[in-house]
Amino acid sequence: MPTTPLTICGYLWIAWYVVWIAWAFQSKKTRQRESISSRLSYTFILGVAVWLLFFGQRLGGWWHRHIFPATAATGWAAVAITALGFALTLWARFILGSNWSGNVTIKVGHELIRTGPYRFVRHPIYTGIIVAAAGTTLALDQTRGFVALVLLWLGLTVKRLKEEQFMRQTFGAQYLDYSRTTGAIFPTLLRRNS
C-alpha cells in the first residue's frame, strides 16, 4: 500500500487516539456530570462526522466530488495542518492536566486554567481537533470530508456551550471575565479588557 498524505493523516489520527485514551486515566474524580441525553445531543453529530470522514467510502455520487486539484504540495500541507492540530491538542491537554474530561463534567477541585493556549482560547483542544480534521479533509479532498468538518464544528459547538454553562455555574464572575478576554475556539482579534 503506497504511503499517501491521506494515509499519513490516518496514522496521525490513530497515534493521537491511542495517546488520548492512555492519558484519560489521569483525571481527577468527577463532582458533577452531564446527563446521558445531554451527551447524546452532540455525540451523535460527532459520530456522523467521524463516520463520514473515515468510513464514508461507500457513499456514492457527489459525496466523492473533488474540490481542489490534487498536488503533492496540497497533500503535504494537509499532513502538516493535521500534525499542527494534534500538537495543539496535546499542548492544551498537558496544560489542562487532571482537570480534563472527555465528557462535560466538573472535577473535584476543578481549576480554571488560563495559561498556555488557554490564554487565547477557552477550548484549544477543540481548536486543535478542528484544525487536524481540516488538514485531513484537505488530504481526502472529497465533499464528504467538508460535510464532516461542518458537522464536527457543530457537534463541538454544542458540547462547548454545555461546558461553558457548567463553568459559569462553577466559577461565576471569574469565568465571565475569562470569556470576555478570550475566543471560544479561535483567538479574538482584539482582546477586550473589562
N, C-alpha and C. Protein backbone atom coordinates (compact mmCIF):
# COMPACT_ATOMS: atom_id res chain seq x y z
N MET A 1 0.85 -1.19 0.00
CA MET A 1 0.00 0.00 0.00
C MET A 1 0.89 1.24 0.00
N PRO A 2 0.72 2.13 -0.98
CA PRO A 2 1.58 3.31 -1.04
C PRO A 2 1.26 4.28 0.10
N THR A 3 2.30 4.96 0.56
CA THR A 3 2.11 5.95 1.62
C THR A 3 1.72 7.27 0.98
N THR A 4 0.49 7.65 1.20
CA THR A 4 -0.03 8.91 0.66
C THR A 4 -0.22 9.88 1.82
N PRO A 5 -0.38 11.17 1.53
CA PRO A 5 -0.69 12.11 2.60
C PRO A 5 -1.93 11.71 3.41
N LEU A 6 -2.94 11.18 2.73
CA LEU A 6 -4.15 10.76 3.45
C LEU A 6 -3.84 9.59 4.40
N THR A 7 -3.01 8.65 3.96
CA THR A 7 -2.61 7.53 4.81
C THR A 7 -1.85 8.03 6.03
N ILE A 8 -0.95 8.98 5.82
CA ILE A 8 -0.19 9.54 6.94
C ILE A 8 -1.13 10.25 7.91
N CYS A 9 -2.09 11.00 7.38
CA CYS A 9 -3.08 11.64 8.26
C CYS A 9 -3.82 10.60 9.08
N GLY A 10 -4.17 9.49 8.46
CA GLY A 10 -4.85 8.41 9.18
C GLY A 10 -3.99 7.85 10.30
N TYR A 11 -2.70 7.66 10.04
CA TYR A 11 -1.78 7.19 11.09
C TYR A 11 -1.67 8.21 12.22
N LEU A 12 -1.67 9.49 11.87
CA LEU A 12 -1.62 10.53 12.91
C LEU A 12 -2.85 10.47 13.80
N TRP A 13 -4.02 10.25 13.20
CA TRP A 13 -5.27 10.13 13.98
C TRP A 13 -5.20 8.93 14.91
N ILE A 14 -4.70 7.80 14.42
CA ILE A 14 -4.60 6.59 15.26
C ILE A 14 -3.64 6.83 16.42
N ALA A 15 -2.47 7.41 16.13
CA ALA A 15 -1.49 7.67 17.19
C ALA A 15 -2.06 8.64 18.22
N TRP A 16 -2.73 9.68 17.75
CA TRP A 16 -3.32 10.66 18.67
C TRP A 16 -4.37 9.99 19.55
N TYR A 17 -5.22 9.16 18.96
CA TYR A 17 -6.28 8.49 19.71
C TYR A 17 -5.70 7.58 20.80
N VAL A 18 -4.65 6.85 20.46
CA VAL A 18 -4.01 5.96 21.45
C VAL A 18 -3.45 6.77 22.61
N VAL A 19 -2.76 7.86 22.31
CA VAL A 19 -2.21 8.73 23.36
C VAL A 19 -3.34 9.32 24.19
N TRP A 20 -4.39 9.76 23.53
CA TRP A 20 -5.52 10.40 24.21
C TRP A 20 -6.19 9.44 25.19
N ILE A 21 -6.40 8.20 24.75
CA ILE A 21 -7.03 7.21 25.62
C ILE A 21 -6.12 6.89 26.81
N ALA A 22 -4.84 6.72 26.55
CA ALA A 22 -3.90 6.42 27.65
C ALA A 22 -3.87 7.56 28.66
N TRP A 23 -3.95 8.79 28.18
CA TRP A 23 -3.90 9.97 29.04
C TRP A 23 -5.19 10.14 29.84
N ALA A 24 -6.27 9.56 29.38
CA ALA A 24 -7.58 9.75 30.01
C ALA A 24 -7.64 9.23 31.44
N PHE A 25 -6.73 8.32 31.79
CA PHE A 25 -6.75 7.73 33.13
C PHE A 25 -6.12 8.63 34.19
N GLN A 26 -5.67 9.82 33.79
CA GLN A 26 -5.01 10.72 34.73
C GLN A 26 -5.87 11.93 35.08
N SER A 27 -7.15 11.73 35.23
CA SER A 27 -8.06 12.82 35.55
C SER A 27 -8.53 12.74 37.00
N LYS A 28 -8.91 13.90 37.52
CA LYS A 28 -9.46 13.96 38.87
C LYS A 28 -10.83 13.27 38.90
N LYS A 29 -11.30 12.98 40.11
CA LYS A 29 -12.64 12.41 40.26
C LYS A 29 -13.69 13.44 39.86
N THR A 30 -14.81 12.94 39.36
CA THR A 30 -15.88 13.80 38.89
C THR A 30 -16.79 14.20 40.03
N ARG A 31 -17.11 15.51 40.08
CA ARG A 31 -18.05 16.03 41.07
C ARG A 31 -19.44 16.20 40.47
N GLN A 32 -19.50 16.66 39.21
CA GLN A 32 -20.78 16.89 38.54
C GLN A 32 -20.63 16.47 37.08
N ARG A 33 -21.64 15.79 36.56
CA ARG A 33 -21.56 15.29 35.18
C ARG A 33 -22.87 15.59 34.47
N GLU A 34 -22.79 15.75 33.17
CA GLU A 34 -23.98 15.99 32.35
C GLU A 34 -24.82 14.72 32.27
N SER A 35 -26.07 14.88 31.90
CA SER A 35 -26.97 13.73 31.74
C SER A 35 -26.64 12.97 30.45
N ILE A 36 -27.12 11.76 30.36
CA ILE A 36 -26.90 10.96 29.15
C ILE A 36 -27.56 11.63 27.94
N SER A 37 -28.76 12.17 28.11
CA SER A 37 -29.43 12.83 26.98
C SER A 37 -28.65 14.07 26.52
N SER A 38 -28.04 14.77 27.48
CA SER A 38 -27.21 15.92 27.12
C SER A 38 -26.01 15.46 26.29
N ARG A 39 -25.40 14.38 26.71
CA ARG A 39 -24.22 13.87 26.00
C ARG A 39 -24.59 13.39 24.59
N LEU A 40 -25.74 12.74 24.48
CA LEU A 40 -26.16 12.25 23.16
C LEU A 40 -26.42 13.38 22.18
N SER A 41 -26.75 14.58 22.68
CA SER A 41 -27.07 15.70 21.80
C SER A 41 -25.90 16.10 20.91
N TYR A 42 -24.67 15.83 21.34
CA TYR A 42 -23.52 16.15 20.49
C TYR A 42 -22.75 14.91 20.04
N THR A 43 -22.78 13.82 20.80
CA THR A 43 -22.01 12.64 20.38
C THR A 43 -22.58 12.02 19.10
N PHE A 44 -23.87 12.12 18.89
CA PHE A 44 -24.44 11.61 17.64
C PHE A 44 -23.89 12.40 16.46
N ILE A 45 -23.88 13.73 16.58
CA ILE A 45 -23.37 14.59 15.50
C ILE A 45 -21.89 14.29 15.26
N LEU A 46 -21.12 14.19 16.33
CA LEU A 46 -19.70 13.90 16.19
C LEU A 46 -19.47 12.52 15.58
N GLY A 47 -20.30 11.56 15.96
CA GLY A 47 -20.18 10.22 15.39
C GLY A 47 -20.41 10.20 13.89
N VAL A 48 -21.42 10.94 13.43
CA VAL A 48 -21.70 11.03 11.99
C VAL A 48 -20.51 11.69 11.29
N ALA A 49 -19.96 12.75 11.89
CA ALA A 49 -18.80 13.44 11.30
C ALA A 49 -17.61 12.49 11.14
N VAL A 50 -17.31 11.73 12.19
CA VAL A 50 -16.19 10.78 12.14
C VAL A 50 -16.46 9.71 11.09
N TRP A 51 -17.69 9.21 11.05
CA TRP A 51 -18.02 8.18 10.06
C TRP A 51 -17.82 8.70 8.64
N LEU A 52 -18.33 9.91 8.37
CA LEU A 52 -18.18 10.48 7.03
C LEU A 52 -16.71 10.66 6.65
N LEU A 53 -15.92 11.17 7.58
CA LEU A 53 -14.52 11.46 7.28
C LEU A 53 -13.71 10.20 7.05
N PHE A 54 -13.94 9.17 7.87
CA PHE A 54 -13.07 8.00 7.84
C PHE A 54 -13.69 6.74 7.23
N PHE A 55 -15.00 6.64 7.22
CA PHE A 55 -15.63 5.39 6.81
C PHE A 55 -16.69 5.56 5.73
N GLY A 56 -16.81 6.74 5.16
CA GLY A 56 -17.87 7.01 4.19
C GLY A 56 -17.52 6.67 2.75
N GLN A 57 -16.56 5.77 2.54
CA GLN A 57 -16.12 5.44 1.19
C GLN A 57 -17.23 4.85 0.33
N ARG A 58 -18.19 4.19 0.94
CA ARG A 58 -19.24 3.51 0.15
C ARG A 58 -20.34 4.46 -0.31
N LEU A 59 -20.33 5.68 0.18
CA LEU A 59 -21.31 6.64 -0.30
C LEU A 59 -21.02 6.93 -1.77
N GLY A 60 -22.04 7.16 -2.52
CA GLY A 60 -21.83 7.41 -3.95
C GLY A 60 -22.07 8.86 -4.32
N GLY A 61 -22.01 9.11 -5.61
CA GLY A 61 -22.37 10.42 -6.15
C GLY A 61 -21.49 11.56 -5.68
N TRP A 62 -22.17 12.65 -5.37
CA TRP A 62 -21.45 13.89 -5.06
C TRP A 62 -20.63 13.82 -3.79
N TRP A 63 -20.82 12.83 -2.94
CA TRP A 63 -20.04 12.70 -1.70
C TRP A 63 -18.54 12.59 -2.00
N HIS A 64 -18.20 12.11 -3.19
CA HIS A 64 -16.79 11.90 -3.54
C HIS A 64 -16.25 12.94 -4.52
N ARG A 65 -17.01 13.97 -4.77
CA ARG A 65 -16.56 15.02 -5.69
C ARG A 65 -15.33 15.72 -5.11
N HIS A 66 -14.33 15.96 -5.97
CA HIS A 66 -13.10 16.64 -5.55
C HIS A 66 -13.30 18.15 -5.58
N ILE A 67 -12.65 18.82 -4.64
CA ILE A 67 -12.78 20.27 -4.52
C ILE A 67 -11.54 20.97 -5.04
N PHE A 68 -10.37 20.45 -4.69
CA PHE A 68 -9.09 21.06 -5.05
C PHE A 68 -8.34 20.20 -6.06
N PRO A 69 -7.47 20.82 -6.86
CA PRO A 69 -6.61 20.00 -7.71
C PRO A 69 -5.62 19.23 -6.83
N ALA A 70 -5.46 17.95 -7.10
CA ALA A 70 -4.55 17.11 -6.30
C ALA A 70 -3.11 17.41 -6.69
N THR A 71 -2.34 17.95 -5.75
CA THR A 71 -0.91 18.20 -5.97
C THR A 71 -0.15 17.68 -4.76
N ALA A 72 1.13 17.44 -4.96
CA ALA A 72 1.97 17.00 -3.84
C ALA A 72 2.01 18.06 -2.75
N ALA A 73 2.09 19.32 -3.15
CA ALA A 73 2.15 20.41 -2.16
C ALA A 73 0.90 20.45 -1.30
N THR A 74 -0.27 20.27 -1.93
CA THR A 74 -1.52 20.26 -1.17
C THR A 74 -1.55 19.09 -0.20
N GLY A 75 -1.09 17.93 -0.65
CA GLY A 75 -1.09 16.75 0.20
C GLY A 75 -0.19 16.91 1.41
N TRP A 76 1.01 17.44 1.20
CA TRP A 76 1.93 17.59 2.33
C TRP A 76 1.52 18.75 3.24
N ALA A 77 0.87 19.76 2.67
CA ALA A 77 0.31 20.82 3.52
C ALA A 77 -0.78 20.24 4.41
N ALA A 78 -1.58 19.32 3.86
CA ALA A 78 -2.63 18.66 4.64
C ALA A 78 -2.05 17.89 5.82
N VAL A 79 -0.94 17.17 5.57
CA VAL A 79 -0.28 16.44 6.66
C VAL A 79 0.23 17.41 7.72
N ALA A 80 0.84 18.50 7.30
CA ALA A 80 1.37 19.49 8.25
C ALA A 80 0.25 20.11 9.08
N ILE A 81 -0.88 20.43 8.43
CA ILE A 81 -2.01 21.02 9.16
C ILE A 81 -2.57 20.02 10.17
N THR A 82 -2.69 18.76 9.76
CA THR A 82 -3.19 17.73 10.67
C THR A 82 -2.26 17.60 11.87
N ALA A 83 -0.96 17.54 11.63
CA ALA A 83 0.02 17.41 12.72
C ALA A 83 -0.01 18.64 13.63
N LEU A 84 -0.15 19.82 13.05
CA LEU A 84 -0.23 21.05 13.84
C LEU A 84 -1.45 21.02 14.76
N GLY A 85 -2.58 20.57 14.23
CA GLY A 85 -3.79 20.47 15.05
C GLY A 85 -3.58 19.54 16.23
N PHE A 86 -2.96 18.39 15.98
CA PHE A 86 -2.71 17.44 17.07
C PHE A 86 -1.71 17.99 18.08
N ALA A 87 -0.70 18.70 17.61
CA ALA A 87 0.27 19.31 18.53
C ALA A 87 -0.45 20.27 19.48
N LEU A 88 -1.39 21.05 18.95
CA LEU A 88 -2.15 21.97 19.80
C LEU A 88 -2.99 21.21 20.83
N THR A 89 -3.64 20.12 20.41
CA THR A 89 -4.46 19.36 21.37
C THR A 89 -3.60 18.79 22.50
N LEU A 90 -2.42 18.30 22.15
CA LEU A 90 -1.54 17.69 23.16
C LEU A 90 -1.00 18.75 24.12
N TRP A 91 -0.65 19.93 23.60
CA TRP A 91 -0.18 21.03 24.45
C TRP A 91 -1.30 21.44 25.40
N ALA A 92 -2.51 21.62 24.86
CA ALA A 92 -3.65 22.03 25.70
C ALA A 92 -3.98 20.97 26.74
N ARG A 93 -3.94 19.71 26.35
CA ARG A 93 -4.24 18.62 27.29
C ARG A 93 -3.20 18.56 28.40
N PHE A 94 -1.93 18.79 28.06
CA PHE A 94 -0.86 18.81 29.06
C PHE A 94 -1.08 19.95 30.06
N ILE A 95 -1.42 21.12 29.56
CA ILE A 95 -1.65 22.29 30.43
C ILE A 95 -2.89 22.07 31.30
N LEU A 96 -3.93 21.47 30.74
CA LEU A 96 -5.16 21.24 31.50
C LEU A 96 -4.96 20.22 32.61
N GLY A 97 -4.05 19.27 32.39
CA GLY A 97 -3.72 18.29 33.43
C GLY A 97 -4.91 17.45 33.85
N SER A 98 -5.02 17.23 35.14
CA SER A 98 -6.05 16.32 35.65
C SER A 98 -7.45 16.94 35.69
N ASN A 99 -7.59 18.19 35.23
CA ASN A 99 -8.91 18.81 35.12
C ASN A 99 -9.66 18.34 33.88
N TRP A 100 -8.97 17.63 32.97
CA TRP A 100 -9.56 17.21 31.71
C TRP A 100 -10.59 16.10 31.90
N SER A 101 -11.59 16.13 31.03
CA SER A 101 -12.55 15.03 30.94
C SER A 101 -13.06 14.96 29.52
N GLY A 102 -13.35 13.77 29.05
CA GLY A 102 -13.93 13.60 27.73
C GLY A 102 -15.40 13.97 27.69
N ASN A 103 -16.03 13.99 28.86
CA ASN A 103 -17.44 14.37 28.99
C ASN A 103 -17.53 15.77 29.57
N VAL A 104 -18.73 16.32 29.54
CA VAL A 104 -18.95 17.61 30.19
C VAL A 104 -19.10 17.34 31.68
N THR A 105 -18.07 17.71 32.43
CA THR A 105 -18.05 17.46 33.88
C THR A 105 -17.38 18.60 34.61
N ILE A 106 -17.59 18.61 35.90
CA ILE A 106 -16.78 19.42 36.82
C ILE A 106 -16.09 18.43 37.73
N LYS A 107 -14.79 18.60 37.86
CA LYS A 107 -14.00 17.68 38.67
C LYS A 107 -13.93 18.15 40.12
N VAL A 108 -13.61 17.24 41.01
CA VAL A 108 -13.36 17.61 42.41
C VAL A 108 -12.09 18.46 42.41
N GLY A 109 -12.18 19.65 43.00
CA GLY A 109 -11.02 20.55 43.00
C GLY A 109 -10.72 21.13 41.62
N HIS A 110 -11.74 21.29 40.81
CA HIS A 110 -11.58 21.79 39.44
C HIS A 110 -10.95 23.19 39.47
N GLU A 111 -10.03 23.42 38.56
CA GLU A 111 -9.36 24.72 38.47
C GLU A 111 -9.69 25.35 37.12
N LEU A 112 -9.76 26.69 37.12
CA LEU A 112 -9.93 27.42 35.87
C LEU A 112 -8.53 27.71 35.32
N ILE A 113 -8.17 27.03 34.25
CA ILE A 113 -6.83 27.15 33.66
C ILE A 113 -6.83 28.31 32.68
N ARG A 114 -5.85 29.22 32.84
CA ARG A 114 -5.74 30.38 31.95
C ARG A 114 -4.33 30.57 31.43
N THR A 115 -3.56 29.48 31.37
CA THR A 115 -2.18 29.56 30.88
C THR A 115 -2.04 28.76 29.59
N GLY A 116 -0.87 28.83 28.99
CA GLY A 116 -0.63 28.12 27.74
C GLY A 116 -1.63 28.57 26.68
N PRO A 117 -2.18 27.65 25.90
CA PRO A 117 -3.13 28.06 24.85
C PRO A 117 -4.43 28.60 25.43
N TYR A 118 -4.70 28.31 26.72
CA TYR A 118 -5.92 28.81 27.37
C TYR A 118 -5.86 30.31 27.61
N ARG A 119 -4.71 30.93 27.40
CA ARG A 119 -4.63 32.40 27.46
C ARG A 119 -5.38 33.03 26.31
N PHE A 120 -5.49 32.30 25.20
CA PHE A 120 -6.04 32.87 23.96
C PHE A 120 -7.42 32.32 23.60
N VAL A 121 -7.65 31.06 23.91
CA VAL A 121 -8.95 30.45 23.61
C VAL A 121 -9.38 29.57 24.77
N ARG A 122 -10.69 29.47 24.95
CA ARG A 122 -11.22 28.69 26.07
C ARG A 122 -11.25 27.19 25.77
N HIS A 123 -11.22 26.81 24.51
CA HIS A 123 -11.33 25.40 24.14
C HIS A 123 -10.26 25.03 23.10
N PRO A 124 -8.98 25.15 23.45
CA PRO A 124 -7.94 24.87 22.45
C PRO A 124 -7.88 23.41 22.01
N ILE A 125 -8.38 22.50 22.81
CA ILE A 125 -8.42 21.10 22.35
C ILE A 125 -9.38 20.99 21.16
N TYR A 126 -10.51 21.66 21.24
CA TYR A 126 -11.45 21.65 20.12
C TYR A 126 -10.84 22.36 18.92
N THR A 127 -10.11 23.45 19.17
CA THR A 127 -9.42 24.14 18.09
C THR A 127 -8.50 23.18 17.36
N GLY A 128 -7.71 22.44 18.14
CA GLY A 128 -6.76 21.50 17.54
C GLY A 128 -7.44 20.39 16.78
N ILE A 129 -8.54 19.87 17.31
CA ILE A 129 -9.28 18.81 16.62
C ILE A 129 -9.84 19.32 15.30
N ILE A 130 -10.39 20.54 15.31
CA ILE A 130 -10.93 21.12 14.08
C ILE A 130 -9.82 21.35 13.07
N VAL A 131 -8.67 21.86 13.52
CA VAL A 131 -7.53 22.07 12.61
C VAL A 131 -7.06 20.74 12.03
N ALA A 132 -6.91 19.72 12.89
CA ALA A 132 -6.49 18.40 12.41
C ALA A 132 -7.49 17.83 11.40
N ALA A 133 -8.76 17.98 11.68
CA ALA A 133 -9.80 17.49 10.76
C ALA A 133 -9.77 18.28 9.45
N ALA A 134 -9.48 19.57 9.53
CA ALA A 134 -9.37 20.37 8.30
C ALA A 134 -8.21 19.88 7.45
N GLY A 135 -7.09 19.56 8.09
CA GLY A 135 -5.95 19.01 7.35
C GLY A 135 -6.30 17.69 6.69
N THR A 136 -6.95 16.83 7.43
CA THR A 136 -7.33 15.53 6.89
C THR A 136 -8.37 15.68 5.78
N THR A 137 -9.27 16.63 5.94
CA THR A 137 -10.26 16.92 4.89
C THR A 137 -9.56 17.38 3.62
N LEU A 138 -8.53 18.20 3.77
CA LEU A 138 -7.76 18.65 2.62
C LEU A 138 -7.07 17.47 1.93
N ALA A 139 -6.52 16.54 2.73
CA ALA A 139 -5.88 15.35 2.15
C ALA A 139 -6.91 14.45 1.46
N LEU A 140 -8.08 14.31 2.05
CA LEU A 140 -9.14 13.48 1.47
C LEU A 140 -9.67 14.10 0.18
N ASP A 141 -9.89 15.42 0.22
CA ASP A 141 -10.37 16.19 -0.92
C ASP A 141 -11.63 15.58 -1.53
N GLN A 142 -12.62 15.37 -0.69
CA GLN A 142 -13.92 14.92 -1.16
C GLN A 142 -15.00 15.70 -0.42
N THR A 143 -16.13 15.86 -1.06
CA THR A 143 -17.24 16.61 -0.47
C THR A 143 -17.60 16.08 0.91
N ARG A 144 -17.56 14.76 1.07
CA ARG A 144 -17.94 14.18 2.37
C ARG A 144 -17.04 14.67 3.49
N GLY A 145 -15.78 14.96 3.20
CA GLY A 145 -14.87 15.50 4.20
C GLY A 145 -15.29 16.88 4.66
N PHE A 146 -15.74 17.70 3.73
CA PHE A 146 -16.17 19.05 4.09
C PHE A 146 -17.48 19.02 4.88
N VAL A 147 -18.36 18.11 4.52
CA VAL A 147 -19.60 17.93 5.30
C VAL A 147 -19.23 17.46 6.71
N ALA A 148 -18.29 16.52 6.80
CA ALA A 148 -17.84 16.03 8.10
C ALA A 148 -17.26 17.16 8.94
N LEU A 149 -16.49 18.04 8.32
CA LEU A 149 -15.88 19.16 9.04
C LEU A 149 -16.94 20.09 9.61
N VAL A 150 -17.98 20.36 8.83
CA VAL A 150 -19.08 21.21 9.32
C VAL A 150 -19.80 20.54 10.49
N LEU A 151 -20.05 19.23 10.36
CA LEU A 151 -20.72 18.50 11.45
C LEU A 151 -19.83 18.44 12.70
N LEU A 152 -18.54 18.27 12.52
CA LEU A 152 -17.61 18.28 13.65
C LEU A 152 -17.68 19.62 14.38
N TRP A 153 -17.64 20.70 13.62
CA TRP A 153 -17.74 22.04 14.20
C TRP A 153 -19.05 22.18 14.98
N LEU A 154 -20.15 21.74 14.37
CA LEU A 154 -21.46 21.83 15.02
C LEU A 154 -21.49 21.02 16.31
N GLY A 155 -21.03 19.76 16.27
CA GLY A 155 -21.03 18.92 17.46
C GLY A 155 -20.18 19.49 18.58
N LEU A 156 -18.99 20.00 18.22
CA LEU A 156 -18.12 20.59 19.24
C LEU A 156 -18.70 21.91 19.78
N THR A 157 -19.44 22.62 18.95
CA THR A 157 -20.09 23.85 19.43
C THR A 157 -21.16 23.52 20.46
N VAL A 158 -21.97 22.49 20.19
CA VAL A 158 -22.99 22.08 21.16
C VAL A 158 -22.31 21.67 22.47
N LYS A 159 -21.25 20.88 22.39
CA LYS A 159 -20.55 20.44 23.59
C LYS A 159 -19.91 21.62 24.31
N ARG A 160 -19.32 22.53 23.55
CA ARG A 160 -18.67 23.71 24.15
C ARG A 160 -19.68 24.55 24.94
N LEU A 161 -20.85 24.75 24.38
CA LEU A 161 -21.87 25.56 25.07
C LEU A 161 -22.30 24.90 26.37
N LYS A 162 -22.40 23.58 26.39
CA LYS A 162 -22.75 22.86 27.62
C LYS A 162 -21.62 22.98 28.64
N GLU A 163 -20.37 22.86 28.19
CA GLU A 163 -19.23 23.02 29.10
C GLU A 163 -19.20 24.42 29.70
N GLU A 164 -19.45 25.41 28.86
CA GLU A 164 -19.39 26.79 29.35
C GLU A 164 -20.49 27.06 30.37
N GLN A 165 -21.64 26.42 30.22
CA GLN A 165 -22.70 26.56 31.22
C GLN A 165 -22.22 26.00 32.56
N PHE A 166 -21.58 24.84 32.56
CA PHE A 166 -21.03 24.26 33.78
C PHE A 166 -19.96 25.18 34.39
N MET A 167 -19.11 25.72 33.53
CA MET A 167 -18.02 26.58 34.02
C MET A 167 -18.56 27.88 34.63
N ARG A 168 -19.59 28.46 34.02
CA ARG A 168 -20.19 29.67 34.59
C ARG A 168 -20.81 29.38 35.95
N GLN A 169 -21.45 28.21 36.08
CA GLN A 169 -22.06 27.83 37.36
C GLN A 169 -20.98 27.63 38.43
N THR A 170 -19.83 27.11 38.04
CA THR A 170 -18.77 26.80 38.99
C THR A 170 -17.91 28.01 39.33
N PHE A 171 -17.55 28.80 38.31
CA PHE A 171 -16.59 29.89 38.54
C PHE A 171 -17.20 31.29 38.48
N GLY A 172 -18.47 31.41 38.12
CA GLY A 172 -19.17 32.68 38.16
C GLY A 172 -18.49 33.80 37.40
N ALA A 173 -18.30 34.93 38.11
CA ALA A 173 -17.74 36.14 37.50
C ALA A 173 -16.34 35.91 36.96
N GLN A 174 -15.59 35.04 37.59
CA GLN A 174 -14.24 34.75 37.12
C GLN A 174 -14.28 34.16 35.69
N TYR A 175 -15.24 33.28 35.44
CA TYR A 175 -15.35 32.69 34.10
C TYR A 175 -15.92 33.70 33.10
N LEU A 176 -16.84 34.55 33.55
CA LEU A 176 -17.38 35.58 32.66
C LEU A 176 -16.28 36.53 32.22
N ASP A 177 -15.39 36.90 33.14
CA ASP A 177 -14.25 37.76 32.79
C ASP A 177 -13.34 37.04 31.79
N TYR A 178 -13.07 35.78 32.04
CA TYR A 178 -12.25 34.97 31.14
C TYR A 178 -12.87 34.92 29.75
N SER A 179 -14.19 34.77 29.68
CA SER A 179 -14.89 34.70 28.40
C SER A 179 -14.80 36.01 27.63
N ARG A 180 -14.77 37.13 28.35
CA ARG A 180 -14.68 38.43 27.69
C ARG A 180 -13.32 38.67 27.07
N THR A 181 -12.29 38.00 27.54
CA THR A 181 -10.93 38.28 27.08
C THR A 181 -10.34 37.19 26.18
N THR A 182 -11.14 36.17 25.86
CA THR A 182 -10.65 35.08 25.02
C THR A 182 -11.70 34.69 23.99
N GLY A 183 -11.26 34.04 22.94
CA GLY A 183 -12.18 33.48 21.97
C GLY A 183 -12.60 32.09 22.43
N ALA A 184 -13.69 31.60 21.89
CA ALA A 184 -14.15 30.26 22.27
C ALA A 184 -13.29 29.18 21.61
N ILE A 185 -13.17 29.23 20.29
CA ILE A 185 -12.41 28.24 19.53
C ILE A 185 -11.18 28.87 18.90
N PHE A 186 -11.32 30.06 18.38
CA PHE A 186 -10.20 30.77 17.78
C PHE A 186 -9.99 32.08 18.53
N PRO A 187 -8.75 32.54 18.62
CA PRO A 187 -8.48 33.78 19.37
C PRO A 187 -9.27 34.95 18.81
N THR A 188 -9.69 35.84 19.69
CA THR A 188 -10.35 37.07 19.23
C THR A 188 -9.27 37.98 18.68
N LEU A 189 -9.64 38.74 17.67
CA LEU A 189 -8.66 39.65 17.06
C LEU A 189 -8.28 40.77 18.01
N LEU A 190 -9.24 41.25 18.76
CA LEU A 190 -8.98 42.32 19.73
C LEU A 190 -9.32 41.79 21.10
N ARG A 191 -8.32 41.73 21.97
CA ARG A 191 -8.57 41.29 23.33
C ARG A 191 -9.24 42.42 24.08
N ARG A 192 -10.39 42.12 24.67
CA ARG A 192 -11.16 43.15 25.37
C ARG A 192 -10.81 43.13 26.86
N ASN A 193 -10.62 44.27 27.42
CA ASN A 193 -10.36 44.39 28.85
C ASN A 193 -11.64 44.79 29.55
N SER A 194 -11.86 44.20 30.73
CA SER A 194 -13.09 44.56 31.47
C SER A 194 -12.82 45.69 32.42
